[in-house]
Amino acid sequence: MKIEYRPKGVCSQHMTVEVEDGVIRSCQIQGGCNGNLQGISRLVEGMTVEEAVRRMEGIRCGFKSTSCPDQLAHALREALPEA
């Protein structure tokens, strides 16, 4: 499954995530803080979608109500089965 996501309320502009059998196979984020986003992308590769969402959901950036990791969690929710 390929997820294309346009983040809201953060510096990053576009997220592309490949998920296979519930595991993140690749993650690319354009815009934002390049080094941090490369690090996040590498850290989540190989991680289950559920674990990545659990770890990143709700993280805030400064006074913003969201962050790039939180927006990535929103994108990954598209790969979760409906409860």
Protein backbone atom coordinates (compact mmCIF):
# COMPACT_ATOMS: atom_id res chain seq x y z
CA MET A 1 0.00 0.00 0.00
CA LYS A 2 1.34 3.40 -0.95
CA ILE A 3 0.19 6.35 1.15
CA GLU A 4 0.47 9.88 -0.24
CA TYR A 5 -0.26 12.50 2.43
CA ARG A 6 -0.20 16.30 2.54
CA PRO A 7 0.58 17.35 6.13
CA LYS A 8 -1.36 20.18 7.76
CA GLY A 9 0.00 22.79 10.16
CA VAL A 10 3.69 21.86 9.83
CA CYS A 11 6.70 22.80 7.68
CA SER A 12 6.85 19.53 5.74
CA GLN A 13 4.86 19.54 2.51
CA HIS A 14 4.42 15.93 1.37
CA MET A 15 4.78 12.42 2.80
CA THR A 16 5.03 9.17 0.86
CA VAL A 17 4.95 5.91 2.82
CA GLU A 18 5.07 2.33 1.53
CA VAL A 19 3.44 -0.23 3.84
CA GLU A 20 3.53 -3.98 3.28
CA ASP A 21 1.81 -6.49 5.60
CA GLY A 22 1.48 -3.84 8.33
CA VAL A 23 5.19 -2.94 8.24
CA ILE A 24 6.61 0.37 6.99
CA ARG A 25 8.96 -0.42 4.10
CA SER A 26 9.90 3.13 3.11
CA CYS A 27 9.12 6.68 4.17
CA GLN A 28 9.97 9.91 2.37
CA ILE A 29 9.13 13.39 3.65
CA GLN A 30 9.64 16.56 1.62
CA GLY A 31 10.08 20.00 3.19
CA GLY A 32 10.62 20.73 6.85
CA CYS A 33 13.79 20.08 8.86
CA ASN A 34 15.72 17.85 6.47
CA GLY A 35 18.01 16.10 8.95
CA ASN A 36 15.27 15.39 11.50
CA LEU A 37 12.88 14.09 8.87
CA GLN A 38 15.53 11.83 7.35
CA GLY A 39 16.15 10.46 10.83
CA ILE A 40 12.46 9.87 11.49
CA SER A 41 12.09 8.17 8.10
CA ARG A 42 14.96 5.78 8.79
CA LEU A 43 13.76 5.03 12.31
CA VAL A 44 10.25 4.02 11.23
CA GLU A 45 11.37 1.80 8.32
CA GLY A 46 10.89 -1.81 9.44
CA MET A 47 8.54 -0.77 12.26
CA THR A 48 4.91 -1.85 12.37
CA VAL A 49 2.36 0.80 11.55
CA GLU A 50 0.71 0.32 14.97
CA GLU A 51 3.99 0.89 16.82
CA ALA A 52 4.90 3.97 14.78
CA VAL A 53 1.47 5.53 15.36
CA ARG A 54 1.67 4.74 19.08
CA ARG A 55 5.07 6.40 19.41
CA MET A 56 4.46 9.52 17.30
CA GLU A 57 0.80 10.42 17.72
CA GLY A 58 0.27 13.53 19.81
CA ILE A 59 3.83 14.94 19.57
CA ARG A 60 3.74 18.72 19.33
CA CYS A 61 6.20 21.16 17.75
CA GLY A 62 6.64 24.27 19.90
CA PHE A 63 3.29 26.01 20.26
CA LYS A 64 1.72 24.13 17.36
CA SER A 65 -0.96 21.55 18.11
CA THR A 66 0.82 19.05 15.83
CA SER A 67 4.28 18.15 14.47
CA CYS A 68 5.80 16.30 11.53
CA PRO A 69 5.87 13.02 13.53
CA ASP A 70 2.21 13.55 14.54
CA GLN A 71 1.28 14.22 10.91
CA LEU A 72 3.13 11.05 9.88
CA ALA A 73 1.01 9.17 12.44
CA HIS A 74 -2.12 10.65 10.81
CA ALA A 75 -0.88 9.45 7.41
CA LEU A 76 -0.15 5.97 8.76
CA ARG A 77 -3.65 5.64 10.21
CA GLU A 78 -4.77 5.12 6.59
CA ALA A 79 -2.95 1.76 6.68
CA LEU A 80 -4.61 0.57 9.89
CA PRO A 81 -7.57 -1.79 9.61
CA GLU A 82 -10.88 -0.33 10.71
CA ALA A 83 -11.64 -1.25 14.32
